[in-house]
Structures are given as C-alpha cells and as structure tokens.
Amino acid sequence: MAEARQRLQAARALMDQQLLSSAVSDAYYAILYATRAALSERERNAKTHRGTWSLFHDEFVAGGGFDAGLAREARATQEVREGVDYAAARVSPEETERIVDVAERFVSAIASLIDA
C-alpha cells in the first residue's frame, strides 16, 4: 500500500503541474499497486495486469465484498494509461482529474478493505 499511496501523491502533484500524461500513468499504477496489496493479503498474486484484475474480481468483487462499479472504473483507467504511455495519446485536464479521483477513491477503499 505504501507504493500505491506514493503513486497517488505523485499523480496529484503531476496533475497540479499540468503533466497530465504522467499523472494518468501514476494514478493507474496507484490503483494497480493497491489491487496487488489487497490480493497479497489473501496470498494471491498474478504476473500480468490482466491476471491481477481477474484475480481481484474473483476474490473481492464477485462475492459482493467490493464495489463493482468502482472496480470497473478503476480497471478502465488501464486503457487510458496505455494510450498515454504507449501511443502518446493526449488526455484532457478533466479526464486526468476524473482518473486521479478514481484512484483516490479506489486506494481509499482498498485501505479500508484490508485495514492498511
């Protein structure tokens, strides 16, 4: 969770500096690291991003223990992150703010879930 929180802090700072692509990337990684922290609490892990999301869904969402809508929103940030990281896609300030907000809500929800 420490890495998730650090990435989230970086995302907010990058957004404030109008470094939007970097903010999106860090926000996504904050989400991913929080997801991995939750899985590690159950001694589960995956090698890929896709595998991480699949395990998270199976372990936490499918049984109703985690907000499915928030999990969907969080997972959807991956596509935007891939666009900015690999295709030099541009992202608006509004979209960046939305993604950082999703990351903040997701990291907070995971922290509550695992009491971290």
PDB file of N, CA and C in Angstrom:
ATOM      1  N   MET A   1       0.820  -1.205   0.000  1.00  0.00           N
ATOM      2  CA  MET A   1       0.000   0.000   0.000  1.00  0.00           C
ATOM      3  C   MET A   1       0.856   1.258   0.000  1.00  0.00           C
ATOM      4  N   ALA A   2       2.045   1.152   0.537  1.00  0.00           N
ATOM      5  CA  ALA A   2       2.911   2.338   0.573  1.00  0.00           C
ATOM      6  C   ALA A   2       3.201   2.838  -0.837  1.00  0.00           C
ATOM      7  N   GLU A   3       3.476   1.924  -1.746  1.00  0.00           N
ATOM      8  CA  GLU A   3       3.757   2.323  -3.134  1.00  0.00           C
ATOM      9  C   GLU A   3       2.505   2.902  -3.789  1.00  0.00           C
ATOM     10  N   ALA A   4       1.344   2.345  -3.490  1.00  0.00           N
ATOM     11  CA  ALA A   4       0.093   2.881  -4.036  1.00  0.00           C
ATOM     12  C   ALA A   4      -0.115   4.317  -3.573  1.00  0.00           C
ATOM     13  N   ARG A   5       0.096   4.547  -2.299  1.00  0.00           N
ATOM     14  CA  ARG A   5      -0.081   5.904  -1.765  1.00  0.00           C
ATOM     15  C   ARG A   5       0.932   6.882  -2.356  1.00  0.00           C
ATOM     16  N   GLN A   6       2.152   6.421  -2.540  1.00  0.00           N
ATOM     17  CA  GLN A   6       3.178   7.284  -3.119  1.00  0.00           C
ATOM     18  C   GLN A   6       2.828   7.649  -4.558  1.00  0.00           C
ATOM     19  N   ARG A   7       2.374   6.666  -5.337  1.00  0.00           N
ATOM     20  CA  ARG A   7       1.982   6.937  -6.724  1.00  0.00           C
ATOM     21  C   ARG A   7       0.785   7.882  -6.783  1.00  0.00           C
ATOM     22  N   LEU A   8      -0.128   7.729  -5.855  1.00  0.00           N
ATOM     23  CA  LEU A   8      -1.290   8.606  -5.808  1.00  0.00           C
ATOM     24  C   LEU A   8      -0.868  10.040  -5.503  1.00  0.00           C
ATOM     25  N   GLN A   9       0.021  10.206  -4.565  1.00  0.00           N
ATOM     26  CA  GLN A   9       0.541  11.535  -4.237  1.00  0.00           C
ATOM     27  C   GLN A   9       1.249  12.144  -5.450  1.00  0.00           C
ATOM     28  N   ALA A  10       2.028  11.340  -6.145  1.00  0.00           N
ATOM     29  CA  ALA A  10       2.720  11.815  -7.343  1.00  0.00           C
ATOM     30  C   ALA A  10       1.724  12.210  -8.427  1.00  0.00           C
ATOM     31  N   ALA A  11       0.669  11.422  -8.595  1.00  0.00           N
ATOM     32  CA  ALA A  11      -0.336  11.724  -9.616  1.00  0.00           C
ATOM     33  C   ALA A  11      -0.963  13.089  -9.366  1.00  0.00           C
ATOM     34  N   ARG A  12      -1.305  13.347  -8.123  1.00  0.00           N
ATOM     35  CA  ARG A  12      -1.912  14.639  -7.791  1.00  0.00           C
ATOM     36  C   ARG A  12      -0.929  15.790  -8.063  1.00  0.00           C
ATOM     37  N   ALA A  13       0.329  15.621  -7.664  1.00  0.00           N
ATOM     38  CA  ALA A  13       1.339  16.666  -7.887  1.00  0.00           C
ATOM     39  C   ALA A  13       1.567  16.887  -9.384  1.00  0.00           C
ATOM     40  N   LEU A  14       1.632  15.810 -10.145  1.00  0.00           N
ATOM     41  CA  LEU A  14       1.827  15.922 -11.588  1.00  0.00           C
ATOM     42  C   LEU A  14       0.646  16.624 -12.248  1.00  0.00           C
ATOM     43  N   MET A  15      -0.544  16.309 -11.799  1.00  0.00           N
ATOM     44  CA  MET A  15      -1.727  16.960 -12.347  1.00  0.00           C
ATOM     45  C   MET A  15      -1.690  18.457 -12.053  1.00  0.00           C
ATOM     46  N   ASP A  16      -1.313  18.806 -10.840  1.00  0.00           N
ATOM     47  CA  ASP A  16      -1.224  20.221 -10.474  1.00  0.00           C
ATOM     48  C   ASP A  16      -0.206  20.969 -11.329  1.00  0.00           C
ATOM     49  N   GLN A  17       0.796  20.248 -11.816  1.00  0.00           N
ATOM     50  CA  GLN A  17       1.830  20.849 -12.675  1.00  0.00           C
ATOM     51  C   GLN A  17       1.480  20.740 -14.159  1.00  0.00           C
ATOM     52  N   GLN A  18       0.259  20.277 -14.457  1.00  0.00           N
ATOM     53  CA  GLN A  18      -0.227  20.101 -15.827  1.00  0.00           C
ATOM     54  C   GLN A  18       0.567  19.054 -16.617  1.00  0.00           C
ATOM     55  N   LEU A  19       1.175  18.105 -15.927  1.00  0.00           N
ATOM     56  CA  LEU A  19       1.869  16.977 -16.556  1.00  0.00           C
ATOM     57  C   LEU A  19       0.860  15.828 -16.590  1.00  0.00           C
ATOM     58  N   LEU A  20      -0.098  15.978 -17.494  1.00  0.00           N
ATOM     59  CA  LEU A  20      -1.293  15.161 -17.472  1.00  0.00           C
ATOM     60  C   LEU A  20      -1.045  13.691 -17.782  1.00  0.00           C
ATOM     61  N   SER A  21      -0.255  13.406 -18.789  1.00  0.00           N
ATOM     62  CA  SER A  21       0.014  12.007 -19.136  1.00  0.00           C
ATOM     63  C   SER A  21       0.698  11.278 -17.994  1.00  0.00           C
ATOM     64  N   SER A  22       1.653  11.921 -17.384  1.00  0.00           N
ATOM     65  CA  SER A  22       2.355  11.310 -16.256  1.00  0.00           C
ATOM     66  C   SER A  22       1.420  11.126 -15.064  1.00  0.00           C
ATOM     67  N   ALA A  23       0.512  12.073 -14.863  1.00  0.00           N
ATOM     68  CA  ALA A  23      -0.458  11.955 -13.770  1.00  0.00           C
ATOM     69  C   ALA A  23      -1.369  10.756 -13.988  1.00  0.00           C
ATOM     70  N   VAL A  24      -1.817  10.556 -15.220  1.00  0.00           N
ATOM     71  CA  VAL A  24      -2.672   9.406 -15.533  1.00  0.00           C
ATOM     72  C   VAL A  24      -1.923   8.106 -15.281  1.00  0.00           C
ATOM     73  N   SER A  25      -0.686   8.052 -15.721  1.00  0.00           N
ATOM     74  CA  SER A  25       0.111   6.843 -15.534  1.00  0.00           C
ATOM     75  C   SER A  25       0.292   6.525 -14.055  1.00  0.00           C
ATOM     76  N   ASP A  26       0.659   7.520 -13.270  1.00  0.00           N
ATOM     77  CA  ASP A  26       0.857   7.283 -11.841  1.00  0.00           C
ATOM     78  C   ASP A  26      -0.450   6.935 -11.133  1.00  0.00           C
ATOM     79  N   ALA A  27      -1.548   7.549 -11.553  1.00  0.00           N
ATOM     80  CA  ALA A  27      -2.841   7.216 -10.953  1.00  0.00           C
ATOM     81  C   ALA A  27      -3.189   5.749 -11.225  1.00  0.00           C
ATOM     82  N   TYR A  28      -2.969   5.308 -12.453  1.00  0.00           N
ATOM     83  CA  TYR A  28      -3.238   3.901 -12.769  1.00  0.00           C
ATOM     84  C   TYR A  28      -2.375   2.975 -11.911  1.00  0.00           C
ATOM     85  N   TYR A  29      -1.098   3.303 -11.790  1.00  0.00           N
ATOM     86  CA  TYR A  29      -0.222   2.429 -11.006  1.00  0.00           C
ATOM     87  C   TYR A  29      -0.573   2.459  -9.518  1.00  0.00           C
ATOM     88  N   ALA A  30      -1.095   3.568  -9.028  1.00  0.00           N
ATOM     89  CA  ALA A  30      -1.585   3.600  -7.649  1.00  0.00           C
ATOM     90  C   ALA A  30      -2.713   2.581  -7.492  1.00  0.00           C
ATOM     91  N   ILE A  31      -3.601   2.553  -8.461  1.00  0.00           N
ATOM     92  CA  ILE A  31      -4.707   1.591  -8.459  1.00  0.00           C
ATOM     93  C   ILE A  31      -4.177   0.165  -8.523  1.00  0.00           C
ATOM     94  N   LEU A  32      -3.261  -0.086  -9.444  1.00  0.00           N
ATOM     95  CA  LEU A  32      -2.726  -1.435  -9.617  1.00  0.00           C
ATOM     96  C   LEU A  32      -2.020  -1.917  -8.352  1.00  0.00           C
ATOM     97  N   TYR A  33      -1.199  -1.068  -7.748  1.00  0.00           N
ATOM     98  CA  TYR A  33      -0.470  -1.479  -6.551  1.00  0.00           C
ATOM     99  C   TYR A  33      -1.410  -1.711  -5.369  1.00  0.00           C
ATOM    100  N   ALA A  34      -2.474  -0.917  -5.271  1.00  0.00           N
ATOM    101  CA  ALA A  34      -3.464  -1.157  -4.223  1.00  0.00           C
ATOM    102  C   ALA A  34      -4.159  -2.499  -4.451  1.00  0.00           C
ATOM    103  N   THR A  35      -4.452  -2.797  -5.705  1.00  0.00           N
ATOM    104  CA  THR A  35      -5.072  -4.072  -6.050  1.00  0.00           C
ATOM    105  C   THR A  35      -4.167  -5.226  -5.648  1.00  0.00           C
ATOM    106  N   ARG A  36      -2.902  -5.103  -5.969  1.00  0.00           N
ATOM    107  CA  ARG A  36      -1.941  -6.154  -5.614  1.00  0.00           C
ATOM    108  C   ARG A  36      -1.782  -6.282  -4.105  1.00  0.00           C
ATOM    109  N   ALA A  37      -1.864  -5.160  -3.384  1.00  0.00           N
ATOM    110  CA  ALA A  37      -1.776  -5.219  -1.923  1.00  0.00           C
ATOM    111  C   ALA A  37      -2.957  -6.004  -1.353  1.00  0.00           C
ATOM    112  N   ALA A  38      -4.143  -5.754  -1.894  1.00  0.00           N
ATOM    113  CA  ALA A  38      -5.319  -6.494  -1.427  1.00  0.00           C
ATOM    114  C   ALA A  38      -5.160  -7.981  -1.708  1.00  0.00           C
ATOM    115  N   LEU A  39      -4.708  -8.312  -2.890  1.00  0.00           N
ATOM    116  CA  LEU A  39      -4.517  -9.724  -3.232  1.00  0.00           C
ATOM    117  C   LEU A  39      -3.460 -10.373  -2.348  1.00  0.00           C
ATOM    118  N   SER A  40      -2.425  -9.635  -2.034  1.00  0.00           N
ATOM    119  CA  SER A  40      -1.359 -10.213  -1.206  1.00  0.00           C
ATOM    120  C   SER A  40      -1.860 -10.560   0.187  1.00  0.00           C
ATOM    121  N   GLU A  41      -2.885  -9.851   0.653  1.00  0.00           N
ATOM    122  CA  GLU A  41      -3.473 -10.158   1.955  1.00  0.00           C
ATOM    123  C   GLU A  41      -4.108 -11.551   1.960  1.00  0.00           C
ATOM    124  N   ARG A  42      -4.449 -12.019   0.792  1.00  0.00           N
ATOM    125  CA  ARG A  42      -5.026 -13.368   0.657  1.00  0.00           C
ATOM    126  C   ARG A  42      -4.026 -14.342   0.027  1.00  0.00           C
ATOM    127  N   GLU A  43      -2.761 -13.901   0.009  1.00  0.00           N
ATOM    128  CA  GLU A  43      -1.671 -14.705  -0.548  1.00  0.00           C
ATOM    129  C   GLU A  43      -1.945 -15.118  -1.991  1.00  0.00           C
ATOM    130  N   ARG A  44      -2.472 -14.159  -2.748  1.00  0.00           N
ATOM    131  CA  ARG A  44      -2.738 -14.353  -4.167  1.00  0.00           C
ATOM    132  C   ARG A  44      -1.913 -13.331  -4.930  1.00  0.00           C
ATOM    133  N   ASN A  45      -1.434 -13.709  -6.095  1.00  0.00           N
ATOM    134  CA  ASN A  45      -0.737 -12.757  -6.950  1.00  0.00           C
ATOM    135  C   ASN A  45      -0.819 -13.224  -8.389  1.00  0.00           C
ATOM    136  N   ALA A  46      -0.565 -12.304  -9.284  1.00  0.00           N
ATOM    137  CA  ALA A  46      -0.591 -12.583 -10.719  1.00  0.00           C
ATOM    138  C   ALA A  46       0.600 -11.895 -11.355  1.00  0.00           C
ATOM    139  N   LYS A  47       1.029 -12.414 -12.480  1.00  0.00           N
ATOM    140  CA  LYS A  47       2.194 -11.849 -13.159  1.00  0.00           C
ATOM    141  C   LYS A  47       1.849 -10.680 -14.076  1.00  0.00           C
ATOM    142  N   THR A  48       0.608 -10.642 -14.550  1.00  0.00           N
ATOM    143  CA  THR A  48       0.217  -9.619 -15.519  1.00  0.00           C
ATOM    144  C   THR A  48      -0.842  -8.689 -14.934  1.00  0.00           C
ATOM    145  N   HIS A  49      -1.029  -7.574 -15.594  1.00  0.00           N
ATOM    146  CA  HIS A  49      -2.082  -6.654 -15.192  1.00  0.00           C
ATOM    147  C   HIS A  49      -3.435  -7.346 -15.352  1.00  0.00           C
ATOM    148  N   ARG A  50      -3.654  -7.979 -16.494  1.00  0.00           N
ATOM    149  CA  ARG A  50      -4.915  -8.674 -16.752  1.00  0.00           C
ATOM    150  C   ARG A  50      -5.183  -9.735 -15.678  1.00  0.00           C
ATOM    151  N   GLY A  51      -4.158 -10.494 -15.341  1.00  0.00           N
ATOM    152  CA  GLY A  51      -4.306 -11.513 -14.311  1.00  0.00           C
ATOM    153  C   GLY A  51      -4.613 -10.912 -12.954  1.00  0.00           C
ATOM    154  N   THR A  52      -4.005  -9.791 -12.645  1.00  0.00           N
ATOM    155  CA  THR A  52      -4.264  -9.101 -11.385  1.00  0.00           C
ATOM    156  C   THR A  52      -5.726  -8.686 -11.302  1.00  0.00           C
ATOM    157  N   TRP A  53      -6.238  -8.108 -12.386  1.00  0.00           N
ATOM    158  CA  TRP A  53      -7.634  -7.673 -12.391  1.00  0.00           C
ATOM    159  C   TRP A  53      -8.583  -8.853 -12.294  1.00  0.00           C
ATOM    160  N   SER A  54      -8.264  -9.929 -12.965  1.00  0.00           N
ATOM    161  CA  SER A  54      -9.115 -11.120 -12.922  1.00  0.00           C
ATOM    162  C   SER A  54      -9.168 -11.705 -11.511  1.00  0.00           C
ATOM    163  N   LEU A  55      -7.996 -11.839 -10.888  1.00  0.00           N
ATOM    164  CA  LEU A  55      -7.955 -12.346  -9.515  1.00  0.00           C
ATOM    165  C   LEU A  55      -8.691 -11.429  -8.553  1.00  0.00           C
ATOM    166  N   PHE A  56      -8.510 -10.129  -8.720  1.00  0.00           N
ATOM    167  CA  PHE A  56      -9.183  -9.177  -7.845  1.00  0.00           C
ATOM    168  C   PHE A  56     -10.697  -9.334  -7.960  1.00  0.00           C
ATOM    169  N   HIS A  57     -11.173  -9.440  -9.188  1.00  0.00           N
ATOM    170  CA  HIS A  57     -12.610  -9.625  -9.385  1.00  0.00           C
ATOM    171  C   HIS A  57     -13.088 -10.896  -8.687  1.00  0.00           C
ATOM    172  N   ASP A  58     -12.370 -11.979  -8.898  1.00  0.00           N
ATOM    173  CA  ASP A  58     -12.757 -13.259  -8.298  1.00  0.00           C
ATOM    174  C   ASP A  58     -12.735 -13.206  -6.773  1.00  0.00           C
ATOM    175  N   GLU A  59     -11.713 -12.588  -6.219  1.00  0.00           N
ATOM    176  CA  GLU A  59     -11.523 -12.573  -4.765  1.00  0.00           C
ATOM    177  C   GLU A  59     -12.394 -11.556  -4.030  1.00  0.00           C
ATOM    178  N   PHE A  60     -12.626 -10.406  -4.654  1.00  0.00           N
ATOM    179  CA  PHE A  60     -13.251  -9.313  -3.919  1.00  0.00           C
ATOM    180  C   PHE A  60     -14.567  -8.796  -4.499  1.00  0.00           C
ATOM    181  N   VAL A  61     -14.719  -8.829  -5.799  1.00  0.00           N
ATOM    182  CA  VAL A  61     -15.898  -8.221  -6.424  1.00  0.00           C
ATOM    183  C   VAL A  61     -17.029  -9.236  -6.593  1.00  0.00           C
ATOM    184  N   ALA A  62     -16.700 -10.415  -7.089  1.00  0.00           N
ATOM    185  CA  ALA A  62     -17.731 -11.415  -7.402  1.00  0.00           C
ATOM    186  C   ALA A  62     -18.591 -11.767  -6.199  1.00  0.00           C
ATOM    187  N   GLY A  63     -18.015 -11.804  -5.039  1.00  0.00           N
ATOM    188  CA  GLY A  63     -18.767 -12.132  -3.829  1.00  0.00           C
ATOM    189  C   GLY A  63     -19.472 -10.955  -3.194  1.00  0.00           C
ATOM    190  N   GLY A  64     -19.335  -9.778  -3.787  1.00  0.00           N
ATOM    191  CA  GLY A  64     -20.008  -8.600  -3.263  1.00  0.00           C
ATOM    192  C   GLY A  64     -19.257  -7.861  -2.175  1.00  0.00           C
ATOM    193  N   GLY A  65     -18.006  -8.228  -1.922  1.00  0.00           N
ATOM    194  CA  GLY A  65     -17.247  -7.581  -0.868  1.00  0.00           C
ATOM    195  C   GLY A  65     -16.626  -6.256  -1.260  1.00  0.00           C
ATOM    196  N   PHE A  66     -16.661  -5.938  -2.564  1.00  0.00           N
ATOM    197  CA  PHE A  66     -16.070  -4.691  -3.042  1.00  0.00           C
ATOM    198  C   PHE A  66     -17.002  -4.101  -4.090  1.00  0.00           C
ATOM    199  N   ASP A  67     -17.126  -2.800  -4.100  1.00  0.00           N
ATOM    200  CA  ASP A  67     -18.000  -2.078  -5.027  1.00  0.00           C
ATOM    201  C   ASP A  67     -17.638  -2.398  -6.482  1.00  0.00           C
ATOM    202  N   ALA A  68     -18.543  -3.079  -7.176  1.00  0.00           N
ATOM    203  CA  ALA A  68     -18.293  -3.496  -8.555  1.00  0.00           C
ATOM    204  C   ALA A  68     -18.129  -2.294  -9.484  1.00  0.00           C
ATOM    205  N   GLY A  69     -18.892  -1.236  -9.252  1.00  0.00           N
ATOM    206  CA  GLY A  69     -18.781  -0.041 -10.086  1.00  0.00           C
ATOM    207  C   GLY A  69     -17.430   0.624  -9.955  1.00  0.00           C
ATOM    208  N   LEU A  70     -16.946   0.731  -8.739  1.00  0.00           N
ATOM    209  CA  LEU A  70     -15.632   1.328  -8.518  1.00  0.00           C
ATOM    210  C   LEU A  70     -14.547   0.448  -9.112  1.00  0.00           C
ATOM    211  N   ALA A  71     -14.684  -0.855  -8.979  1.00  0.00           N
ATOM    212  CA  ALA A  71     -13.707  -1.775  -9.568  1.00  0.00           C
ATOM    213  C   ALA A  71     -13.682  -1.617 -11.090  1.00  0.00           C
ATOM    214  N   ARG A  72     -14.852  -1.464 -11.709  1.00  0.00           N
ATOM    215  CA  ARG A  72     -14.939  -1.269 -13.165  1.00  0.00           C
ATOM    216  C   ARG A  72     -14.272   0.037 -13.582  1.00  0.00           C
ATOM    217  N   GLU A  73     -14.580   1.093 -12.836  1.00  0.00           N
ATOM    218  CA  GLU A  73     -13.966   2.401 -13.130  1.00  0.00           C
ATOM    219  C   GLU A  73     -12.444   2.316 -13.036  1.00  0.00           C
ATOM    220  N   ALA A  74     -11.972   1.655 -11.991  1.00  0.00           N
ATOM    221  CA  ALA A  74     -10.531   1.543 -11.772  1.00  0.00           C
ATOM    222  C   ALA A  74      -9.873   0.763 -12.905  1.00  0.00           C
ATOM    223  N   ARG A  75     -10.462  -0.357 -13.252  1.00  0.00           N
ATOM    224  CA  ARG A  75      -9.890  -1.178 -14.319  1.00  0.00           C
ATOM    225  C   ARG A  75      -9.879  -0.421 -15.646  1.00  0.00           C
ATOM    226  N   ALA A  76     -10.896   0.377 -15.905  1.00  0.00           N
ATOM    227  CA  ALA A  76     -10.991   1.125 -17.157  1.00  0.00           C
ATOM    228  C   ALA A  76      -9.874   2.152 -17.311  1.00  0.00           C
ATOM    229  N   THR A  77      -9.237   2.545 -16.224  1.00  0.00           N
ATOM    230  CA  THR A  77      -8.137   3.513 -16.335  1.00  0.00           C
ATOM    231  C   THR A  77      -6.931   2.916 -17.047  1.00  0.00           C
ATOM    232  N   GLN A  78      -6.856   1.589 -17.106  1.00  0.00           N
ATOM    233  CA  GLN A  78      -5.728   0.937 -17.769  1.00  0.00           C
ATOM    234  C   GLN A  78      -5.653   1.326 -19.245  1.00  0.00           C
ATOM    235  N   GLU A  79      -6.787   1.363 -19.914  1.00  0.00           N
ATOM    236  CA  GLU A  79      -6.794   1.691 -21.341  1.00  0.00           C
ATOM    237  C   GLU A  79      -6.275   3.105 -21.587  1.00  0.00           C
ATOM    238  N   VAL A  80      -6.688   4.044 -20.754  1.00  0.00           N
ATOM    239  CA  VAL A  80      -6.212   5.423 -20.901  1.00  0.00           C
ATOM    240  C   VAL A  80      -4.716   5.483 -20.619  1.00  0.00           C
ATOM    241  N   ARG A  81      -4.279   4.785 -19.567  1.00  0.00           N
ATOM    242  CA  ARG A  81      -2.847   4.755 -19.238  1.00  0.00           C
ATOM    243  C   ARG A  81      -2.039   4.179 -20.382  1.00  0.00           C
ATOM    244  N   GLU A  82      -2.497   3.110 -20.988  1.00  0.00           N
ATOM    245  CA  GLU A  82      -1.775   2.530 -22.114  1.00  0.00           C
ATOM    246  C   GLU A  82      -1.704   3.510 -23.279  1.00  0.00           C
ATOM    247  N   GLY A  83      -2.764   4.258 -23.493  1.00  0.00           N
ATOM    248  CA  GLY A  83      -2.759   5.266 -24.555  1.00  0.00           C
ATOM    249  C   GLY A  83      -1.714   6.338 -24.338  1.00  0.00           C
ATOM    250  N   VAL A  84      -1.624   6.856 -23.120  1.00  0.00           N
ATOM    251  CA  VAL A  84      -0.642   7.918 -22.870  1.00  0.00           C
ATOM    252  C   VAL A  84       0.776   7.371 -22.815  1.00  0.00           C
ATOM    253  N   ASP A  85       0.945   6.146 -22.309  1.00  0.00           N
ATOM    254  CA  ASP A  85       2.290   5.590 -22.171  1.00  0.00           C
ATOM    255  C   ASP A  85       2.841   5.022 -23.471  1.00  0.00           C
ATOM    256  N   TYR A  86       1.986   4.416 -24.288  1.00  0.00           N
ATOM    257  CA  TYR A  86       2.480   3.702 -25.463  1.00  0.00           C
ATOM    258  C   TYR A  86       2.133   4.342 -26.799  1.00  0.00           C
ATOM    259  N   ALA A  87       1.099   5.166 -26.829  1.00  0.00           N
ATOM    260  CA  ALA A  87       0.675   5.749 -28.101  1.00  0.00           C
ATOM    261  C   ALA A  87       0.739   7.272 -28.102  1.00  0.00           C
ATOM    262  N   ALA A  88       1.330   7.835 -27.075  1.00  0.00           N
ATOM    263  CA  ALA A  88       1.445   9.291 -26.943  1.00  0.00           C
ATOM    264  C   ALA A  88       0.089   9.981 -27.079  1.00  0.00           C
ATOM    265  N   ALA A  89      -0.953   9.318 -26.597  1.00  0.00           N
ATOM    266  CA  ALA A  89      -2.290   9.910 -26.623  1.00  0.00           C
ATOM    267  C   ALA A  89      -2.329  11.107 -25.681  1.00  0.00           C
ATOM    268  N   ARG A  90      -3.146  12.058 -26.054  1.00  0.00           N
ATOM    269  CA  ARG A  90      -3.323  13.234 -25.210  1.00  0.00           C
ATOM    270  C   ARG A  90      -4.549  13.027 -24.340  1.00  0.00           C
ATOM    271  N   VAL A  91      -4.497  13.589 -23.168  1.00  0.00           N
ATOM    272  CA  VAL A  91      -5.605  13.482 -22.227  1.00  0.00           C
ATOM    273  C   VAL A  91      -5.937  14.882 -21.725  1.00  0.00           C
ATOM    274  N   SER A  92      -7.213  15.138 -21.558  1.00  0.00           N
ATOM    275  CA  SER A  92      -7.653  16.463 -21.120  1.00  0.00           C
ATOM    276  C   SER A  92      -7.453  16.623 -19.617  1.00  0.00           C
ATOM    277  N   PRO A  93      -7.420  17.862 -19.161  1.00  0.00           N
ATOM    278  CA  PRO A  93      -7.350  18.092 -17.718  1.00  0.00           C
ATOM    279  C   PRO A  93      -8.547  17.461 -16.990  1.00  0.00           C
ATOM    280  N   GLU A  94      -9.727  17.517 -17.615  1.00  0.00           N
ATOM    281  CA  GLU A  94     -10.922  16.954 -16.986  1.00  0.00           C
ATOM    282  C   GLU A  94     -10.825  15.430 -16.858  1.00  0.00           C
ATOM    283  N   GLU A  95     -10.346  14.777 -17.905  1.00  0.00           N
ATOM    284  CA  GLU A  95     -10.182  13.319 -17.863  1.00  0.00           C
ATOM    285  C   GLU A  95      -9.104  12.935 -16.844  1.00  0.00           C
ATOM    286  N   THR A  96      -8.053  13.706 -16.788  1.00  0.00           N
ATOM    287  CA  THR A  96      -6.998  13.448 -15.808  1.00  0.00           C
ATOM    288  C   THR A  96      -7.550  13.578 -14.389  1.00  0.00           C
ATOM    289  N   GLU A  97      -8.316  14.625 -14.140  1.00  0.00           N
ATOM    290  CA  GLU A  97      -8.930  14.831 -12.821  1.00  0.00           C
ATOM    291  C   GLU A  97      -9.838  13.652 -12.477  1.00  0.00           C
ATOM    292  N   ARG A  98     -10.605  13.179 -13.435  1.00  0.00           N
ATOM    293  CA  ARG A  98     -11.506  12.052 -13.198  1.00  0.00           C
ATOM    294  C   ARG A  98     -10.714  10.797 -12.830  1.00  0.00           C
ATOM    295  N   ILE A  99      -9.634  10.541 -13.540  1.00  0.00           N
ATOM    296  CA  ILE A  99      -8.831   9.347 -13.288  1.00  0.00           C
ATOM    297  C   ILE A  99      -8.136   9.432 -11.930  1.00  0.00           C
ATOM    298  N   VAL A 100      -7.614  10.581 -11.593  1.00  0.00           N
ATOM    299  CA  VAL A 100      -6.979  10.748 -10.278  1.00  0.00           C
ATOM    300  C   VAL A 100      -8.020  10.591  -9.174  1.00  0.00           C
ATOM    301  N   ASP A 101      -9.223  11.091  -9.411  1.00  0.00           N
ATOM    302  CA  ASP A 101     -10.309  10.916  -8.435  1.00  0.00           C
ATOM    303  C   ASP A 101     -10.649   9.432  -8.259  1.00  0.00           C
ATOM    304  N   VAL A 102     -10.737   8.697  -9.355  1.00  0.00           N
ATOM    305  CA  VAL A 102     -10.993   7.255  -9.268  1.00  0.00           C
ATOM    306  C   VAL A 102      -9.890   6.589  -8.454  1.00  0.00           C
ATOM    307  N   ALA A 103      -8.643   6.969  -8.730  1.00  0.00           N
ATOM    308  CA  ALA A 103      -7.515   6.386  -7.993  1.00  0.00           C
ATOM    309  C   ALA A 103      -7.616   6.693  -6.508  1.00  0.00           C
ATOM    310  N   GLU A 104      -7.963   7.905  -6.157  1.00  0.00           N
ATOM    311  CA  GLU A 104      -8.088   8.271  -4.748  1.00  0.00           C
ATOM    312  C   GLU A 104      -9.181   7.447  -4.065  1.00  0.00           C
ATOM    313  N   ARG A 105     -10.325   7.321  -4.717  1.00  0.00           N
ATOM    314  CA  ARG A 105     -11.428   6.552  -4.132  1.00  0.00           C
ATOM    315  C   ARG A 105     -11.072   5.066  -4.039  1.00  0.00           C
ATOM    316  N   PHE A 106     -10.402   4.555  -5.052  1.00  0.00           N
ATOM    317  CA  PHE A 106     -10.054   3.140  -5.079  1.00  0.00           C
ATOM    318  C   PHE A 106      -9.009   2.811  -4.009  1.00  0.00           C
ATOM    319  N   VAL A 107      -7.954   3.586  -3.933  1.00  0.00           N
ATOM    320  CA  VAL A 107      -6.906   3.341  -2.934  1.00  0.00           C
ATOM    321  C   VAL A 107      -7.500   3.437  -1.532  1.00  0.00           C
ATOM    322  N   SER A 108      -8.360   4.412  -1.299  1.00  0.00           N
ATOM    323  CA  SER A 108      -9.010   4.551  -0.004  1.00  0.00           C
ATOM    324  C   SER A 108      -9.892   3.333   0.308  1.00  0.00           C
ATOM    325  N   ALA A 109     -10.626   2.865  -0.674  1.00  0.00           N
ATOM    326  CA  ALA A 109     -11.488   1.701  -0.465  1.00  0.00           C
ATOM    327  C   ALA A 109     -10.681   0.451  -0.176  1.00  0.00           C
ATOM    328  N   ILE A 110      -9.560   0.290  -0.866  1.00  0.00           N
ATOM    329  CA  ILE A 110      -8.702  -0.864  -0.612  1.00  0.00           C
ATOM    330  C   ILE A 110      -8.096  -0.768   0.788  1.00  0.00           C
ATOM    331  N   ALA A 111      -7.650   0.418   1.167  1.00  0.00           N
ATOM    332  CA  ALA A 111      -7.085   0.597   2.505  1.00  0.00           C
ATOM    333  C   ALA A 111      -8.108   0.211   3.581  1.00  0.00           C
ATOM    334  N   SER A 112      -9.347   0.611   3.385  1.00  0.00           N
ATOM    335  CA  SER A 112     -10.397   0.240   4.327  1.00  0.00           C
ATOM    336  C   SER A 112     -10.656  -1.266   4.314  1.00  0.00           C
ATOM    337  N   LEU A 113     -10.613  -1.834   3.143  1.00  0.00           N
ATOM    338  CA  LEU A 113     -10.878  -3.256   2.972  1.00  0.00           C
ATOM    339  C   LEU A 113      -9.849  -4.107   3.718  1.00  0.00           C
ATOM    340  N   ILE A 114      -8.591  -3.698   3.645  1.00  0.00           N
ATOM    341  CA  ILE A 114      -7.526  -4.512   4.251  1.00  0.00           C
ATOM    342  C   ILE A 114      -6.988  -3.891   5.533  1.00  0.00           C
ATOM    343  N   ASP A 115      -7.654  -2.809   5.975  1.00  0.00           N
ATOM    344  CA  ASP A 115      -7.230  -2.123   7.201  1.00  0.00           C
ATOM    345  C   ASP A 115      -5.757  -1.723   7.161  1.00  0.00           C
ATOM    346  N   ALA A 116      -5.361  -1.108   6.057  1.00  0.00           N
ATOM    347  CA  ALA A 116      -3.962  -0.695   5.920  1.00  0.00           C
ATOM    348  C   ALA A 116      -3.828   0.818   5.965  1.00  0.00           C
TER     349      ALA A 116
END
